[in-house]
Amino acid sequence: MSVDQERVTDDDGPADEISTATLVGYATAAFALLGWFLFGWLVQRQGFVASVGETAGAAFGLLLAVSVIGTFRRDRR
């Protein structure tokens, strides 16, 4: 007895390359988050842990925005 089924693989071909604008956006966001951390820690003198927490919150907010925008862009295709 033989089964005639197509084999399903996880490879959909080569992954899409990341554009230069995306890389510049990521670098800008990382630089802005680092600046936000240093501003809170050194200028406002709010403490290291508070600055890390505030920066982490801002980073998660950015990740949420990127996720929502990516969902809408993917859905439009």
C-alpha atoms as a PDB file:
ATOM      1  CA  MET A   1       0.000   0.000   0.000  1.00  0.00           C
ATOM      2  CA  SER A   2       1.356   3.425  -0.904  1.00  0.00           C
ATOM      3  CA  VAL A   3       0.233   6.891  -0.007  1.00  0.00           C
ATOM      4  CA  ASP A   4       0.337   9.576  -2.671  1.00  0.00           C
ATOM      5  CA  GLN A   5       0.664  12.837  -0.787  1.00  0.00           C
ATOM      6  CA  GLU A   6       2.725  15.910  -1.351  1.00  0.00           C
ATOM      7  CA  ARG A   7       5.455  16.440   1.112  1.00  0.00           C
ATOM      8  CA  VAL A   8       5.014  19.638   3.132  1.00  0.00           C
ATOM      9  CA  THR A   9       8.171  21.488   4.065  1.00  0.00           C
ATOM     10  CA  ASP A  10       8.749  24.610   6.081  1.00  0.00           C
ATOM     11  CA  ASP A  11      11.045  26.094   3.451  1.00  0.00           C
ATOM     12  CA  ASP A  12       9.194  28.606   1.319  1.00  0.00           C
ATOM     13  CA  GLY A  13      12.303  29.627  -0.537  1.00  0.00           C
ATOM     14  CA  PRO A  14      14.856  32.263   0.317  1.00  0.00           C
ATOM     15  CA  ALA A  15      13.889  34.791   2.945  1.00  0.00           C
ATOM     16  CA  ASP A  16      13.232  38.354   1.864  1.00  0.00           C
ATOM     17  CA  GLU A  17      16.156  40.697   2.302  1.00  0.00           C
ATOM     18  CA  ILE A  18      15.882  43.568   4.742  1.00  0.00           C
ATOM     19  CA  SER A  19      15.852  46.945   3.044  1.00  0.00           C
ATOM     20  CA  THR A  20      18.322  49.684   3.840  1.00  0.00           C
ATOM     21  CA  ALA A  21      15.514  51.917   5.105  1.00  0.00           C
ATOM     22  CA  THR A  22      14.505  49.229   7.605  1.00  0.00           C
ATOM     23  CA  LEU A  23      18.059  48.895   8.879  1.00  0.00           C
ATOM     24  CA  VAL A  24      18.352  52.676   9.226  1.00  0.00           C
ATOM     25  CA  GLY A  25      15.058  52.703  11.141  1.00  0.00           C
ATOM     26  CA  TYR A  26      16.259  49.978  13.505  1.00  0.00           C
ATOM     27  CA  ALA A  27      19.552  51.791  14.107  1.00  0.00           C
ATOM     28  CA  THR A  28      17.715  55.068  14.736  1.00  0.00           C
ATOM     29  CA  ALA A  29      15.357  53.406  17.203  1.00  0.00           C
ATOM     30  CA  ALA A  30      18.260  51.756  19.043  1.00  0.00           C
ATOM     31  CA  PHE A  31      20.141  55.060  19.223  1.00  0.00           C
ATOM     32  CA  ALA A  32      17.003  56.875  20.458  1.00  0.00           C
ATOM     33  CA  LEU A  33      16.436  54.247  23.161  1.00  0.00           C
ATOM     34  CA  LEU A  34      20.040  54.500  24.295  1.00  0.00           C
ATOM     35  CA  GLY A  35      19.702  58.286  24.408  1.00  0.00           C
ATOM     36  CA  TRP A  36      16.456  57.995  26.359  1.00  0.00           C
ATOM     37  CA  PHE A  37      18.166  55.740  28.897  1.00  0.00           C
ATOM     38  CA  LEU A  38      21.159  58.039  29.308  1.00  0.00           C
ATOM     39  CA  PHE A  39      18.949  61.123  29.563  1.00  0.00           C
ATOM     40  CA  GLY A  40      16.861  59.603  32.342  1.00  0.00           C
ATOM     41  CA  TRP A  41      19.840  58.206  34.207  1.00  0.00           C
ATOM     42  CA  LEU A  42      22.374  61.032  33.918  1.00  0.00           C
ATOM     43  CA  VAL A  43      20.332  64.193  33.352  1.00  0.00           C
ATOM     44  CA  GLN A  44      17.173  63.524  35.324  1.00  0.00           C
ATOM     45  CA  ARG A  45      19.043  61.412  37.918  1.00  0.00           C
ATOM     46  CA  GLN A  46      16.111  59.055  38.351  1.00  0.00           C
ATOM     47  CA  GLY A  47      18.211  55.988  39.094  1.00  0.00           C
ATOM     48  CA  PHE A  48      19.627  53.177  37.006  1.00  0.00           C
ATOM     49  CA  VAL A  49      16.796  50.687  37.521  1.00  0.00           C
ATOM     50  CA  ALA A  50      14.107  53.291  36.822  1.00  0.00           C
ATOM     51  CA  SER A  51      15.898  54.335  33.640  1.00  0.00           C
ATOM     52  CA  VAL A  52      16.207  50.727  32.487  1.00  0.00           C
ATOM     53  CA  GLY A  53      12.516  50.133  33.180  1.00  0.00           C
ATOM     54  CA  GLU A  54      11.448  53.272  31.364  1.00  0.00           C
ATOM     55  CA  THR A  55      13.623  52.397  28.381  1.00  0.00           C
ATOM     56  CA  ALA A  56      12.290  48.828  28.334  1.00  0.00           C
ATOM     57  CA  GLY A  57       8.732  50.169  28.337  1.00  0.00           C
ATOM     58  CA  ALA A  58       9.527  52.454  25.415  1.00  0.00           C
ATOM     59  CA  ALA A  59      11.168  49.550  23.563  1.00  0.00           C
ATOM     60  CA  PHE A  60       8.122  47.315  24.062  1.00  0.00           C
ATOM     61  CA  GLY A  61       5.911  50.145  22.845  1.00  0.00           C
ATOM     62  CA  LEU A  62       8.019  50.408  19.692  1.00  0.00           C
ATOM     63  CA  LEU A  63       7.840  46.643  19.187  1.00  0.00           C
ATOM     64  CA  LEU A  64       4.054  46.782  19.502  1.00  0.00           C
ATOM     65  CA  ALA A  65       3.855  49.576  16.934  1.00  0.00           C
ATOM     66  CA  VAL A  66       6.123  47.668  14.519  1.00  0.00           C
ATOM     67  CA  SER A  67       4.011  44.539  14.989  1.00  0.00           C
ATOM     68  CA  VAL A  68       0.730  46.330  14.284  1.00  0.00           C
ATOM     69  CA  ILE A  69       2.151  48.124  11.248  1.00  0.00           C
ATOM     70  CA  GLY A  70       3.617  44.858   9.924  1.00  0.00           C
ATOM     71  CA  THR A  71       0.270  43.118  10.355  1.00  0.00           C
ATOM     72  CA  PHE A  72      -1.545  45.779   8.365  1.00  0.00           C
ATOM     73  CA  ARG A  73       1.103  45.762   5.646  1.00  0.00           C
ATOM     74  CA  ARG A  74       1.014  41.962   5.349  1.00  0.00           C
ATOM     75  CA  ASP A  75      -2.779  41.912   5.292  1.00  0.00           C
ATOM     76  CA  ARG A  76      -2.848  44.438   2.454  1.00  0.00           C
ATOM     77  CA  ARG A  77      -0.812  42.199   0.113  1.00  0.00           C
END
